[in-house]
Protein backbone atom coordinates (compact mmCIF):
# COMPACT_ATOMS: atom_id res chain seq x y z
CA MET A 1 -7.49 -21.52 -17.98
CA SER A 2 -4.29 -23.90 -19.01
CA ALA A 3 -2.26 -22.80 -21.93
CA SER A 4 -2.32 -26.22 -23.30
CA VAL A 5 -6.08 -25.95 -24.20
CA ASP A 6 -6.25 -25.08 -27.95
CA LEU A 7 -8.31 -21.87 -28.88
CA PRO A 8 -10.16 -20.88 -31.97
CA VAL A 9 -8.08 -19.61 -34.84
CA LYS A 10 -8.75 -15.88 -34.25
CA TRP A 11 -8.22 -15.91 -30.51
CA VAL A 12 -5.12 -15.18 -28.63
CA ARG A 13 -3.98 -15.35 -24.93
CA ALA A 14 -2.82 -12.05 -23.21
CA PRO A 15 -2.17 -10.69 -19.62
CA LEU A 16 -5.03 -8.75 -18.05
CA SER A 17 -2.95 -5.78 -18.14
CA ALA A 18 -3.02 -5.89 -22.01
CA LEU A 19 -6.79 -5.62 -21.79
CA ALA A 20 -7.69 -3.17 -18.91
CA ASP A 21 -6.02 -0.43 -16.91
CA ILE A 22 -5.89 -2.00 -13.37
CA ASN A 23 -6.22 0.30 -10.38
CA GLN A 24 -6.06 3.53 -12.12
CA ARG A 25 -7.29 6.62 -10.17
CA HIS A 26 -10.56 8.71 -11.16
CA PHE A 27 -11.37 11.83 -9.75
CA CYS A 28 -13.85 14.66 -9.70
CA SER A 29 -12.91 17.77 -11.89
CA LEU A 30 -15.16 20.04 -9.83
CA PRO A 31 -13.76 21.27 -6.61
CA SER A 32 -16.98 22.97 -5.78
CA ALA A 33 -18.80 19.48 -5.80
CA SER A 34 -17.43 18.40 -2.47
CA GLU A 35 -20.79 18.24 -0.81
CA GLN A 36 -22.44 16.48 -3.69
CA PRO A 37 -23.42 13.21 -2.79
CA VAL A 38 -21.74 10.20 -4.93
CA HIS A 39 -22.40 6.49 -5.16
CA PHE A 40 -20.67 4.53 -2.42
CA ILE A 41 -19.97 0.84 -2.78
CA PRO A 42 -18.96 -1.10 0.34
CA MET A 43 -17.97 -4.83 -0.08
CA SER A 44 -21.36 -5.71 1.45
CA ALA A 45 -23.08 -4.29 -1.74
CA VAL A 46 -21.26 -6.73 -4.20
CA SER A 47 -23.12 -10.10 -4.42
CA ALA A 48 -20.96 -13.48 -4.41
CA GLU A 49 -20.72 -15.29 -7.81
CA PHE A 50 -20.91 -12.29 -9.99
CA ARG A 51 -24.70 -11.98 -9.13
CA GLY A 52 -25.14 -8.19 -8.82
CA ILE A 53 -24.17 -5.04 -7.28
CA ASP A 54 -26.07 -2.29 -5.16
CA VAL A 55 -25.24 1.28 -5.94
CA THR A 56 -27.89 2.77 -4.05
CA GLN A 57 -25.73 4.06 -0.99
CA ARG A 58 -24.86 7.60 -1.16
CA ARG A 59 -22.06 9.88 0.53
CA ALA A 60 -20.86 13.21 0.27
CA LEU A 61 -17.80 13.51 -2.22
CA ARG A 62 -15.63 15.20 0.51
CA ASP A 63 -16.04 12.30 2.75
CA VAL A 64 -15.00 9.46 0.28
CA GLU A 65 -12.68 11.06 -2.69
CA LYS A 66 -9.75 10.39 -0.45
CA GLY A 67 -8.99 7.15 0.94
CA TYR A 68 -11.51 4.90 -0.94
CA THR A 69 -11.27 3.02 -4.35
CA SER A 70 -12.85 5.08 -7.20
CA CYS A 71 -14.61 3.55 -10.15
CA VAL A 72 -16.82 4.65 -13.25
CA PRO A 73 -19.50 2.82 -15.17
CA ASN A 74 -18.38 -0.17 -17.02
CA ASP A 75 -15.36 -0.80 -14.50
CA VAL A 76 -14.88 -4.26 -13.20
CA LEU A 77 -14.69 -4.58 -9.60
CA LEU A 78 -12.71 -7.81 -8.18
CA ALA A 79 -12.57 -8.33 -4.09
CA LYS A 80 -8.57 -8.80 -3.39
CA ILE A 81 -8.95 -9.88 0.07
CA THR A 82 -9.75 -13.36 1.48
CA PRO A 83 -12.65 -14.69 1.76
CA CYS A 84 -14.42 -12.30 -0.38
CA MET A 85 -12.28 -13.12 -3.52
CA GLU A 86 -12.84 -16.69 -3.00
CA ASN A 87 -16.64 -16.26 -2.65
CA GLY A 88 -16.69 -14.69 -6.06
CA LYS A 89 -17.38 -10.96 -5.07
CA LEU A 90 -17.42 -9.35 -8.54
CA ALA A 91 -19.15 -6.61 -10.40
CA VAL A 92 -19.37 -4.58 -13.54
CA VAL A 93 -20.38 -1.15 -12.38
CA PRO A 94 -23.72 0.12 -13.72
CA ALA A 95 -24.62 3.49 -15.12
CA LEU A 96 -24.37 5.94 -12.46
CA GLU A 97 -26.48 8.93 -11.59
CA ASN A 98 -23.45 11.11 -10.56
CA HIS A 99 -20.97 9.39 -13.27
CA ILE A 100 -18.45 8.18 -10.54
CA ALA A 101 -18.55 6.01 -7.30
CA PHE A 102 -16.18 5.38 -4.42
CA GLY A 103 -15.89 2.22 -2.58
CA SER A 104 -13.95 -0.35 -0.59
CA THR A 105 -10.05 -0.29 -0.67
CA GLU A 106 -10.35 -4.05 -1.09
CA PHE A 107 -11.62 -3.95 -4.56
CA HIS A 108 -9.22 -4.07 -7.57
CA VAL A 109 -10.55 -2.13 -10.45
CA LEU A 110 -10.28 -3.03 -13.91
CA SER A 111 -11.10 -0.56 -16.66
CA ALA A 112 -11.55 -2.50 -19.85
CA LYS A 113 -9.88 -0.93 -22.94
CA ASP A 114 -11.88 0.06 -26.30
CA SER A 115 -13.29 -3.35 -27.94
CA VAL A 116 -12.73 -5.28 -24.67
CA HIS A 117 -16.10 -6.46 -23.31
CA PRO A 118 -16.05 -5.71 -19.49
CA LYS A 119 -18.20 -8.58 -18.86
CA TRP A 120 -15.61 -10.65 -20.79
CA LEU A 121 -13.23 -9.84 -18.07
CA ALA A 122 -15.93 -10.35 -15.38
CA TYR A 123 -16.95 -13.67 -16.52
CA PHE A 124 -13.51 -15.14 -16.95
CA MET A 125 -12.50 -14.02 -13.39
CA SER A 126 -15.82 -15.40 -11.94
CA GLN A 127 -14.51 -19.10 -12.93
CA SER A 128 -13.64 -20.94 -10.11
CA SER A 129 -10.49 -22.12 -11.51
CA PHE A 130 -9.27 -18.28 -11.83
CA ARG A 131 -10.28 -17.97 -8.26
CA ARG A 132 -8.11 -20.93 -7.06
CA ARG A 133 -5.11 -19.51 -8.78
CA ALA A 134 -5.59 -16.24 -7.33
CA ARG A 135 -5.85 -17.85 -3.79
CA GLN A 136 -2.67 -19.55 -4.57
CA ASN A 137 -0.94 -16.50 -5.37
CA MET A 138 -2.29 -14.37 -2.30
CA THR A 139 0.02 -12.57 0.06
CA GLY A 140 -0.26 -11.36 3.51
CA SER A 141 -1.02 -12.69 6.94
CA ALA A 142 -3.74 -15.19 7.83
CA GLY A 143 -7.18 -13.40 7.66
CA GLN A 144 -5.74 -10.38 5.77
CA MET A 145 -4.43 -12.38 2.55
CA ARG A 146 -5.01 -10.32 -0.61
CA VAL A 147 -4.53 -10.89 -4.50
CA PRO A 148 -1.54 -8.74 -5.38
CA SER A 149 -2.05 -6.29 -8.55
CA THR A 150 1.28 -7.59 -10.00
CA TRP A 151 -0.17 -11.04 -10.20
CA LEU A 152 -3.56 -9.73 -11.50
CA SER A 153 -1.85 -7.77 -14.25
CA GLU A 154 0.26 -10.83 -15.50
CA ALA A 155 -2.63 -13.48 -15.24
CA THR A 156 -3.55 -14.46 -18.80
CA ILE A 157 -6.92 -14.54 -20.36
CA PRO A 158 -8.10 -15.92 -23.64
CA VAL A 159 -9.10 -12.99 -26.01
CA ALA A 160 -11.79 -13.54 -28.61
CA PRO A 161 -12.60 -11.03 -31.40
CA ALA A 162 -14.39 -8.11 -30.27
CA THR A 163 -17.73 -8.97 -31.99
CA GLU A 164 -17.49 -12.78 -30.56
CA GLN A 165 -16.81 -11.18 -27.22
CA ALA A 166 -20.13 -9.67 -27.52
CA ARG A 167 -22.11 -12.59 -28.72
CA ILE A 168 -20.47 -14.95 -26.30
CA VAL A 169 -21.43 -12.48 -23.35
CA ALA A 170 -25.01 -12.31 -24.80
CA ARG A 171 -25.11 -16.21 -24.79
CA LEU A 172 -23.72 -16.46 -21.23
CA GLU A 173 -26.33 -13.83 -19.93
CA GLU A 174 -29.10 -15.97 -21.40
CA LEU A 175 -27.96 -19.27 -20.18
CA LEU A 176 -26.78 -18.10 -16.59
CA SER A 177 -30.00 -16.17 -16.38
CA GLU A 178 -32.06 -19.16 -16.58
CA LEU A 179 -29.75 -21.23 -14.29
CA ASP A 180 -29.86 -18.33 -11.71
CA ALA A 181 -33.62 -18.35 -11.96
CA GLY A 182 -33.72 -22.12 -11.14
CA VAL A 183 -31.33 -21.70 -8.13
CA ALA A 184 -33.39 -18.96 -7.00
CA GLU A 185 -36.46 -21.05 -7.02
CA LEU A 186 -34.48 -23.77 -5.05
CA LYS A 187 -33.27 -21.35 -2.55
CA ALA A 188 -36.69 -20.09 -2.07
CA ALA A 189 -37.72 -23.54 -1.44
CA GLN A 190 -35.10 -23.97 1.10
CA LYS A 191 -36.48 -20.88 2.90
CA LYS A 192 -39.92 -22.11 2.70
CA LEU A 193 -38.75 -25.35 4.34
CA ALA A 194 -36.79 -23.64 6.98
CA ARG A 195 -40.03 -21.58 7.98
CA TYR A 196 -41.98 -25.06 7.94
CA ARG A 197 -39.32 -26.54 10.07
CA GLN A 198 -39.94 -23.60 12.76
CA SER A 199 -43.67 -23.91 12.47
CA LEU A 200 -43.24 -27.72 13.29
CA LEU A 201 -41.06 -26.98 16.24
CA LYS A 202 -43.44 -24.45 17.57
CA ALA A 203 -46.49 -27.11 16.96
CA ALA A 204 -44.58 -29.64 18.91
CA VAL A 205 -44.11 -27.40 21.80
CA GLU A 206 -47.50 -26.14 21.85
CA GLY A 207 -49.06 -29.66 21.74
CA SER A 208 -50.91 -29.06 18.40
CA LEU A 209 -48.59 -31.71 16.66
CA THR A 210 -50.43 -34.33 18.95
CA ALA A 211 -53.83 -32.74 19.34
CA GLU A 212 -55.32 -35.59 17.49
CA TRP A 213 -53.64 -38.25 19.32
CA ARG A 214 -54.95 -36.59 22.78
CA GLN A 215 -58.36 -36.99 21.38
CA GLN A 216 -58.11 -40.68 20.97
CA HIS A 217 -55.88 -41.64 24.04
CA SER A 218 -56.15 -41.34 27.75
CA PRO A 219 -52.58 -41.29 29.49
CA THR A 220 -52.18 -43.25 32.85
CA GLU A 221 -50.82 -40.09 34.36
CA THR A 222 -50.84 -36.52 33.74
CA GLY A 223 -47.61 -34.38 33.22
CA ALA A 224 -48.08 -33.08 36.82
CA GLN A 225 -48.18 -36.49 38.29
CA LEU A 226 -45.28 -37.62 36.24
CA LEU A 227 -43.24 -34.45 37.41
CA ASN A 228 -44.05 -35.34 41.15
CA ARG A 229 -42.89 -38.81 40.38
CA ILE A 230 -39.83 -37.52 38.93
CA LEU A 231 -39.15 -35.27 42.02
CA VAL A 232 -39.55 -38.05 44.39
CA LYS A 233 -37.17 -40.11 42.46
CA ARG A 234 -34.72 -37.20 42.27
CA ARG A 235 -34.64 -36.97 46.06
CA ALA A 236 -34.34 -40.60 46.60
CA ARG A 237 -31.32 -40.71 43.99
CA TRP A 238 -29.55 -38.03 46.13
CA GLU A 239 -30.41 -39.66 49.33
CA ALA A 240 -29.08 -43.05 48.02
CA LYS A 241 -25.82 -41.23 46.94
CA GLN A 242 -25.28 -39.51 50.19
CA LEU A 243 -25.56 -42.78 52.18
CA ALA A 244 -23.22 -44.35 49.86
CA LYS A 245 -20.55 -41.64 50.66
CA PHE A 246 -21.34 -42.11 54.54
CA LYS A 247 -20.72 -46.09 54.22
CA GLU A 248 -17.70 -45.50 51.97
CA HIS A 249 -16.16 -43.28 54.86
CA GLY A 250 -17.19 -45.64 57.47
CA LYS A 251 -19.36 -43.03 59.04
CA ALA A 252 -22.99 -43.12 60.27
CA PRO A 253 -25.37 -40.54 58.81
CA PRO A 254 -25.29 -37.47 60.82
CA LYS A 255 -28.60 -36.07 62.53
CA ASP A 256 -30.99 -34.18 60.22
CA TRP A 257 -28.63 -35.04 57.18
CA GLU A 258 -31.78 -35.40 54.83
CA THR A 259 -32.26 -31.44 55.23
CA LYS A 260 -29.23 -30.82 53.40
CA TYR A 261 -30.98 -31.82 50.21
CA VAL A 262 -31.25 -28.74 47.83
CA GLU A 263 -34.48 -28.38 46.01
CA PRO A 264 -34.33 -28.04 42.17
CA VAL A 265 -35.08 -24.74 40.72
CA GLU A 266 -38.88 -24.40 40.04
CA PRO A 267 -39.82 -22.83 36.53
CA ASP A 268 -40.95 -19.20 36.05
CA THR A 269 -44.13 -19.71 33.94
CA SER A 270 -45.32 -15.99 34.19
CA ASN A 271 -44.74 -15.29 30.62
CA LEU A 272 -45.23 -18.74 29.08
CA PRO A 273 -48.07 -19.89 26.99
CA ASP A 274 -50.84 -22.10 28.05
CA LEU A 275 -50.05 -25.81 27.60
CA PRO A 276 -52.65 -28.70 26.82
CA ASN A 277 -54.54 -30.42 29.36
CA GLY A 278 -52.29 -32.82 30.99
CA TRP A 279 -49.21 -31.00 30.31
CA VAL A 280 -47.02 -29.01 32.76
CA TRP A 281 -44.09 -26.67 32.70
CA ALA A 282 -40.79 -28.01 34.42
CA SER A 283 -37.46 -26.58 34.62
CA VAL A 284 -34.33 -28.32 33.40
CA ASP A 285 -33.19 -28.86 36.75
CA GLN A 286 -36.02 -30.55 37.93
CA LEU A 287 -35.81 -33.06 34.97
CA SER A 288 -32.09 -33.61 34.58
CA ILE A 289 -29.68 -35.89 36.26
CA GLU A 290 -26.59 -34.07 35.80
CA GLN A 291 -25.35 -31.10 33.88
CA LYS A 292 -21.63 -30.61 32.88
CA TYR A 293 -19.30 -28.56 30.75
CA GLY A 294 -17.12 -30.11 27.96
CA SER A 295 -13.32 -30.27 27.87
CA SER A 296 -10.96 -27.63 27.03
CA SER A 297 -8.11 -29.65 26.31
CA LYS A 298 -6.48 -29.14 22.94
CA THR A 299 -7.75 -31.66 20.37
CA THR A 300 -5.79 -33.02 17.10
CA GLU A 301 -6.74 -34.61 13.72
CA ASP A 302 -5.57 -38.19 15.06
CA ASP A 303 -8.71 -40.24 14.39
CA SER A 304 -7.28 -43.00 16.47
CA GLY A 305 -8.51 -41.30 19.65
CA VAL A 306 -11.91 -40.38 20.77
CA PRO A 307 -14.20 -37.86 18.68
CA VAL A 308 -15.02 -34.50 20.36
CA LEU A 309 -18.20 -32.84 19.26
CA ARG A 310 -17.66 -29.10 18.92
CA MET A 311 -20.13 -26.02 18.47
CA GLY A 312 -19.80 -26.56 14.52
CA ASN A 313 -21.23 -30.01 14.70
CA ILE A 314 -24.50 -28.55 15.89
CA GLN A 315 -26.42 -27.66 12.58
CA ASP A 316 -30.23 -27.01 12.46
CA GLY A 317 -31.00 -29.01 15.48
CA GLN A 318 -28.99 -32.04 14.48
CA LEU A 319 -25.53 -33.34 14.94
CA ASP A 320 -23.21 -33.36 11.91
CA VAL A 321 -20.00 -35.65 12.46
CA SER A 322 -18.66 -35.13 9.23
CA SER A 323 -15.84 -32.97 10.75
CA LEU A 324 -14.40 -33.99 13.95
CA LYS A 325 -11.24 -33.37 16.20
CA TYR A 326 -9.92 -35.99 18.60
CA LEU A 327 -8.64 -36.38 22.16
CA PRO A 328 -6.63 -39.44 23.08
CA GLY A 329 -8.43 -42.59 24.20
CA ASP A 330 -6.52 -42.42 27.74
CA HIS A 331 -7.25 -38.69 28.27
CA ASP A 332 -7.84 -38.10 31.97
CA GLU A 333 -11.30 -36.46 31.61
CA PHE A 334 -12.71 -39.93 30.43
CA PRO A 335 -14.95 -41.84 31.10
CA GLY A 336 -16.48 -38.75 32.79
CA LEU A 337 -16.96 -36.76 29.81
CA LEU A 338 -18.08 -39.52 27.48
CA LEU A 339 -21.70 -38.91 26.04
CA GLU A 340 -24.63 -41.38 26.39
CA ALA A 341 -27.53 -41.70 23.95
CA GLY A 342 -30.11 -39.07 24.71
CA ASP A 343 -27.68 -36.42 26.16
CA LEU A 344 -28.78 -32.73 25.07
CA LEU A 345 -25.90 -30.62 23.88
CA PHE A 346 -26.22 -26.98 24.26
CA ASN A 347 -24.03 -24.36 22.82
CA ARG A 348 -23.39 -22.05 25.61
CA THR A 349 -20.92 -19.71 23.94
CA ASN A 350 -21.22 -18.32 20.19
CA SER A 351 -22.15 -15.24 17.89
CA PRO A 352 -25.49 -13.85 19.28
CA GLU A 353 -27.35 -15.30 16.51
CA LEU A 354 -26.19 -18.94 17.11
CA VAL A 355 -25.84 -19.31 20.93
CA GLY A 356 -27.99 -21.77 22.25
CA LYS A 357 -28.48 -23.94 19.35
CA SER A 358 -28.99 -27.47 20.78
CA ALA A 359 -29.16 -31.02 19.32
CA ILE A 360 -29.46 -34.67 20.97
CA PHE A 361 -26.61 -37.24 20.87
CA ARG A 362 -28.02 -40.47 19.69
CA SER A 363 -24.84 -42.44 19.55
CA GLN A 364 -24.13 -41.39 15.91
CA ILE A 365 -20.69 -42.26 16.81
CA SER A 366 -19.23 -44.01 19.91
CA PRO A 367 -17.36 -43.36 22.10
CA CYS A 368 -17.60 -39.69 21.79
CA SER A 369 -16.87 -36.51 23.92
CA PHE A 370 -17.72 -32.87 23.80
CA ALA A 371 -15.87 -29.59 23.87
CA SER A 372 -15.83 -26.77 26.38
CA TYR A 373 -18.26 -24.50 24.55
CA LEU A 374 -21.02 -27.05 24.93
CA ILE A 375 -23.00 -28.04 28.07
CA CYS A 376 -24.36 -31.69 28.30
CA VAL A 377 -27.65 -32.36 29.88
CA ARG A 378 -28.61 -35.71 31.00
CA PHE A 379 -32.25 -36.05 31.46
CA CYS A 380 -33.91 -38.58 33.67
CA GLU A 381 -35.26 -41.72 31.93
CA THR A 382 -39.03 -40.56 31.87
CA TYR A 383 -38.29 -37.49 29.92
CA GLU A 384 -37.51 -37.50 26.24
CA SER A 385 -34.58 -34.82 25.69
CA GLU A 386 -35.58 -34.37 22.11
CA ILE A 387 -38.71 -32.14 23.52
CA ALA A 388 -36.18 -29.98 25.44
CA SER A 389 -33.87 -29.54 22.39
CA THR A 390 -37.01 -28.80 20.35
CA TYR A 391 -38.18 -26.10 22.65
CA ILE A 392 -34.88 -24.42 22.87
CA ASN A 393 -34.51 -24.45 18.95
CA SER A 394 -38.20 -23.19 18.72
CA VAL A 395 -39.40 -19.53 18.56
CA TYR A 396 -40.06 -19.92 22.33
CA GLY A 397 -36.34 -20.91 23.08
CA LYS A 398 -35.03 -18.40 20.91
CA HIS A 399 -36.90 -15.64 22.59
CA TRP A 400 -35.55 -17.10 25.97
CA ILE A 401 -32.03 -16.96 24.92
CA LYS A 402 -32.46 -13.41 24.12
CA SER A 403 -33.77 -12.53 27.35
CA VAL A 404 -30.83 -14.26 29.34
CA VAL A 405 -27.89 -14.06 27.18
CA VAL A 406 -24.65 -12.22 28.44
CA GLN A 407 -22.87 -10.11 25.78
CA GLN A 408 -19.15 -10.31 25.95
CA VAL A 409 -16.57 -8.90 23.31
CA GLY A 410 -17.56 -10.67 20.30
CA GLN A 411 -19.45 -13.35 21.98
CA ALA A 412 -22.82 -14.19 23.64
CA ASN A 413 -23.11 -16.50 26.47
CA VAL A 414 -25.76 -18.50 28.57
CA ASN A 415 -24.23 -20.31 31.35
CA GLY A 416 -25.33 -23.56 32.98
CA SER A 417 -27.18 -21.86 35.96
CA LYS A 418 -29.41 -20.17 33.44
CA LEU A 419 -29.97 -23.31 31.38
CA SER A 420 -31.04 -25.08 34.73
CA ALA A 421 -33.77 -22.54 35.16
CA LEU A 422 -35.20 -22.87 31.59
CA ALA A 423 -38.95 -24.07 31.77
CA VAL A 424 -39.76 -26.75 29.25
CA PRO A 425 -42.83 -28.71 28.37
CA LEU A 426 -43.47 -31.81 30.33
CA PRO A 427 -46.28 -33.85 28.55
CA PRO A 428 -47.51 -37.29 29.72
CA ARG A 429 -45.09 -40.17 29.26
CA GLU A 430 -47.04 -41.98 26.31
CA GLU A 431 -47.63 -38.59 24.87
CA GLN A 432 -43.85 -37.59 24.83
CA THR A 433 -43.40 -41.07 22.72
CA GLU A 434 -45.91 -39.88 20.20
CA LEU A 435 -44.66 -36.50 20.04
CA VAL A 436 -41.08 -37.58 19.27
CA SER A 437 -41.87 -40.19 16.76
CA ALA A 438 -44.02 -37.49 14.82
CA LEU A 439 -41.45 -34.76 15.17
CA GLN A 440 -38.59 -37.12 13.74
CA ASN A 441 -40.95 -38.52 10.96
CA GLN A 442 -41.51 -34.80 9.65
CA THR A 443 -38.04 -33.61 10.68
CA ARG A 444 -36.58 -36.40 8.52
CA GLU A 445 -38.82 -35.51 5.46
CA ILE A 446 -37.74 -31.91 5.67
CA ALA A 447 -34.10 -32.92 5.96
CA ASN A 448 -34.60 -35.35 2.97
CA GLN A 449 -35.97 -32.45 1.01
CA LEU A 450 -33.32 -30.07 1.86
CA MET A 451 -30.78 -32.60 0.78
CA MET A 452 -32.29 -33.08 -2.57
CA ILE A 453 -32.40 -29.33 -2.98
CA GLY A 454 -28.79 -28.76 -1.90
CA THR A 455 -27.84 -31.44 -4.48
CA SER A 456 -29.60 -29.64 -7.12
CA VAL A 457 -28.05 -26.41 -6.13
CA ALA A 458 -24.48 -27.93 -6.27
CA LEU A 459 -25.41 -29.50 -9.67
CA ALA A 460 -26.41 -25.89 -10.89
CA THR A 461 -23.14 -24.56 -9.66
CA ALA A 462 -21.19 -26.84 -11.44
CA GLN A 463 -23.23 -26.44 -14.43
CA ARG A 464 -22.45 -22.79 -14.33
CA GLN A 465 -18.73 -23.41 -14.31
CA ASN A 466 -19.19 -25.81 -17.19
CA ILE A 467 -20.93 -23.12 -19.12
CA LEU A 468 -18.16 -20.60 -18.29
CA ARG A 469 -15.24 -23.23 -19.26
CA ALA A 470 -17.17 -23.90 -22.73
CA ALA A 471 -17.25 -20.00 -23.17
CA PHE A 472 -13.64 -19.20 -22.78
CA ALA A 473 -12.46 -22.29 -24.81
CA GLY A 474 -14.62 -20.81 -27.95
CA GLN A 475 -17.32 -23.77 -27.52
CA LEU A 476 -20.30 -21.66 -26.64
CA VAL A 477 -21.20 -19.96 -30.06
CA PRO A 478 -20.05 -20.45 -33.56
CA GLN A 479 -17.00 -18.45 -34.98
CA ASP A 480 -17.51 -16.05 -37.60
CA SER A 481 -14.76 -15.77 -40.55
CA ASN A 482 -15.60 -12.21 -40.95
CA ASP A 483 -14.66 -11.28 -37.28
CA GLU A 484 -11.35 -9.15 -36.81
CA PRO A 485 -8.91 -11.33 -35.24
CA ALA A 486 -7.90 -10.84 -31.45
CA SER A 487 -4.30 -10.18 -32.45
CA VAL A 488 -5.42 -6.95 -34.33
CA LEU A 489 -7.40 -5.78 -31.36
CA LEU A 490 -4.38 -6.19 -29.06
CA GLU A 491 -2.10 -4.38 -31.47
CA ARG A 492 -4.58 -1.37 -31.77
CA ILE A 493 -4.85 -1.34 -27.88
CA ARG A 494 -0.93 -1.38 -27.75
CA THR A 495 -0.87 1.50 -30.33
CA GLN A 496 -3.48 3.56 -28.42
CA ARG A 497 -1.62 3.14 -25.23
CA ALA A 498 1.91 3.98 -26.57
CA ALA A 499 0.17 7.39 -28.08
CA ALA A 500 -1.34 8.22 -24.82
CA GLU A 501 1.79 7.70 -23.04
CA GLN A 502 3.82 9.99 -25.51
CA SER A 503 1.28 12.88 -24.84
CA THR A 504 1.40 12.42 -21.20
CA LYS A 505 3.66 14.68 -19.00
CA PRO A 506 6.64 12.62 -18.03
CA ARG A 507 6.76 13.93 -14.55
CA LYS A 508 2.80 13.13 -13.81
CA ALA A 509 0.61 10.42 -15.14
CA ARG A 510 -2.59 11.67 -16.42
CA ALA A 511 -5.77 10.44 -14.57
CA THR A 512 -9.13 9.43 -15.95
CA LYS A 513 -11.51 12.30 -15.32
CA ALA A 514 -15.11 11.84 -14.38
CA LYS A 515 -17.65 14.67 -13.91
CA VAL A 516 -20.13 15.14 -11.04
């Protein structure tokens, strides 16, 4: 909080070190307790945005008393390392069955002094404004940046009278619990929509999404007949290309040149579900005109060039073009790597849970290219590429990805050859159009609902910060003229601290003991 903001009369500002001991060491006073299980708090046990802590994990005291951070009930844990600090990984240690806990060394531990409410400190540090200042003062190398204890000690905080702290904390708990309950409902709705989206994808590729349409319509050709026509045209296209090459070089076609044609990979349907009447399984290789990997050239922020889609631009089966990198317009891989409407982009390399995510390019931005971790599949004109993308993003596609993925160091990979062999549903041409239309309509409705929920969550997040800001400006509850001024509280803490230092042996600082 800025020092220019006026505080109530009985409030003061003070450094955090005046209100709490920072990173003091607790220890167990019973040497025979080395086998005793104690609470263990890894970073993953602390929720973001000061929303809870899990202290159910246990480890033997001998395994954690050295090399880990110690804490006791009512200590405040603040993640010091990026990105956990920025995410608001913060908690107040609850009552502990074994009186002491050990945890990640990436926590700062603040032990509030008498008459300082631990949650007063925690709620203050949960403000986004505090985290921004902490981020600006981090030290260390990229990926290992930490909030120094010296900066934390000197960071100033508004101090209310002790009784008012308790009233404000109680009011914060009331308001924020209501807000958090609303956010929980919104996030539950997000999960429900995500499950519905998956059921929609499954219904689309199984044919149930267009079951009513099939009852009312008789396509002019079946999927099997369409596939045969596609394969005939595929061969004709290859032959025309070969003849053009012979002509370009001034040569007559050699004898039996047609036998050089390589038949496309046939789909393996042994473990695939049954399809509706009139549908057939076909491989990506049978249905596609070409398949190519993207550019590995270094991109820049210069938006005068051609945008390049990367794996991060594929989100939930759609393309998000809000964050782009660029290649120069005269890049030597153009126009060969420029996308066309209907191209499928497949993420061939990513983390195991994200590899294989796919989306269709629909000229959202043009011209446009793509990066090397993506594969572009261009399908023939009689196959709707959305069907292939829907299948890959469905539960069936995820199962296929798990069956063919190759694990590498920190990455998972599905190459172009495996993608070519993927079997996808091929409905009759007219039903493809109906299927894609129905799918897009319902997907659009899901996206709209998710957008509204996202907006509501963002508003709730902003409201949370507004409530915290009001709390630490003295605007959340009325002041009481009978409250002891915060200056008296601070003076009492200083007196107690000085007395403790006088009684401490000069050659060794006294540590706080916690029984096990």
